[in-house]
Amino acid sequence: MSERQDQDVTFGSPLAGDGYVGGIDLGGTKILAVVVGPDGREIGRSKKSTGRNHEPGAVIERIAKCVQEAAAEAGVSVDQLRAVGIGAPGPVVPGEGVLAVAVNLGWHDVPLKAELEQRLGVPVVVDNDVRVAVLAEHLAGAGRGTQSLVGVWLGTGIGGGVVVNNELITGANNSAGELGHITIKAGGPKCACGGRGHLESLASRSAIVREIAERVNRGKKTILASIVEGDVDKATSGDLAEAYRKGDKLVVREINRGAKYLSMGIASIANVLNPEMVVLGGGLVEALGEPFLRRVTEEVRERPMYAATRPLRIVQSDLLDDAGVIGASLIARRLLESEPYPPAPNGTAGVVASPTAEG
């Protein structure tokens, strides 16, 4: 029995339903798969490295194997799964389940739905990893009981999702939620998408590491260099958190700068949408924890317009690393309902394009 099963993990009523479903969280470094039973309880889990070979066929084979192992731990066969959902790190082509681009994997136009259905023999639904994580937080995590919330996930990039009146917003052409690509600083650093001064290029882990590395190259000292054995460019969220907790001046300054830019983005979003809550998630937030959350909250409170920013609740993800697989399992459940999830444009069944965050 796995450690997770020993903890008697139950995701609860949002995941309950007829039969078994699977959920997959695909990232640049790891693949996580779970199997959920009719009562909403996780009964099987498997985790694998995405691997160094990011060729789509090789990664998809590892995804399929991960699902097979999770099903074996659950004591069921893969063909007993009624549907499998996957959260993928990029935008998904409407109605096709094609992953249009995944920067961290170097993928373009990968038919993820079709390839997985061929290997698993069960229906597959694909959506963006951050969008499904935000859905999970709304229904089963920190946002339970709210009608409107915004999720912002910080990692390699910055992704997001928006819930208004209990509905996850997809937008006119299904690209709503690109919170990482709000322009915060005109003419600022170049973003991976090609724009400049975007929130992602100023407050993501990649952005913070880039600024630290540039200053180290100009002669600044930091204990981060010893933590990562000299290659600051490869610093993880955990490495940053260790240096931050030790009070390293350069790391503290750059993380606080990132918190300032993040607060500017959150305040702007709050003034447009006036949500009840902002949920912060992703590897960077999880590693930095309460001190970072408090810093961001304090910065937001001081930004006008106060009617939207001062009552705003800013909280950390409850589901943490499991938000992605819970959300993926949720969209698998919804696929079995009368209306496909999410509804595609013009009434066409299928999967909608989604935010491009990679976290």
Foldseek 3Di string as FASTA:
>chain_A
DDPCVVVFDALADLLAAPFKEKFWEDALFKIKMFIAGNGRTTQFIFMDTCDPQLDPVVSLVVNLVRHQRRCVSSVHGLVRHQEFFYADQFWAAWAQRFRQDAPSSGDHRHRSQVSNCVSRVHGYAYAHLAALLVLSCCPRWVNDPFQWEKEWEAELFIWIWIGHRNDTDQDPQREPTQLQADAQDVPAPADPVGDHRGLRCQQHPQNLLVVLVVVVVVPDDFCLCVVVVRDSNPDGLLSLLVRVVVPTPSSVVSNLRSLLSVLSSVLVVQVVRLGQEYEYAYDNCVNNDDVSQVSSLVNNCPDDPNVRRNNYYYYYIGCHPCSRRSSRSSQRVQCPDPAHPPQGPPRRHGYGIYHNHRD
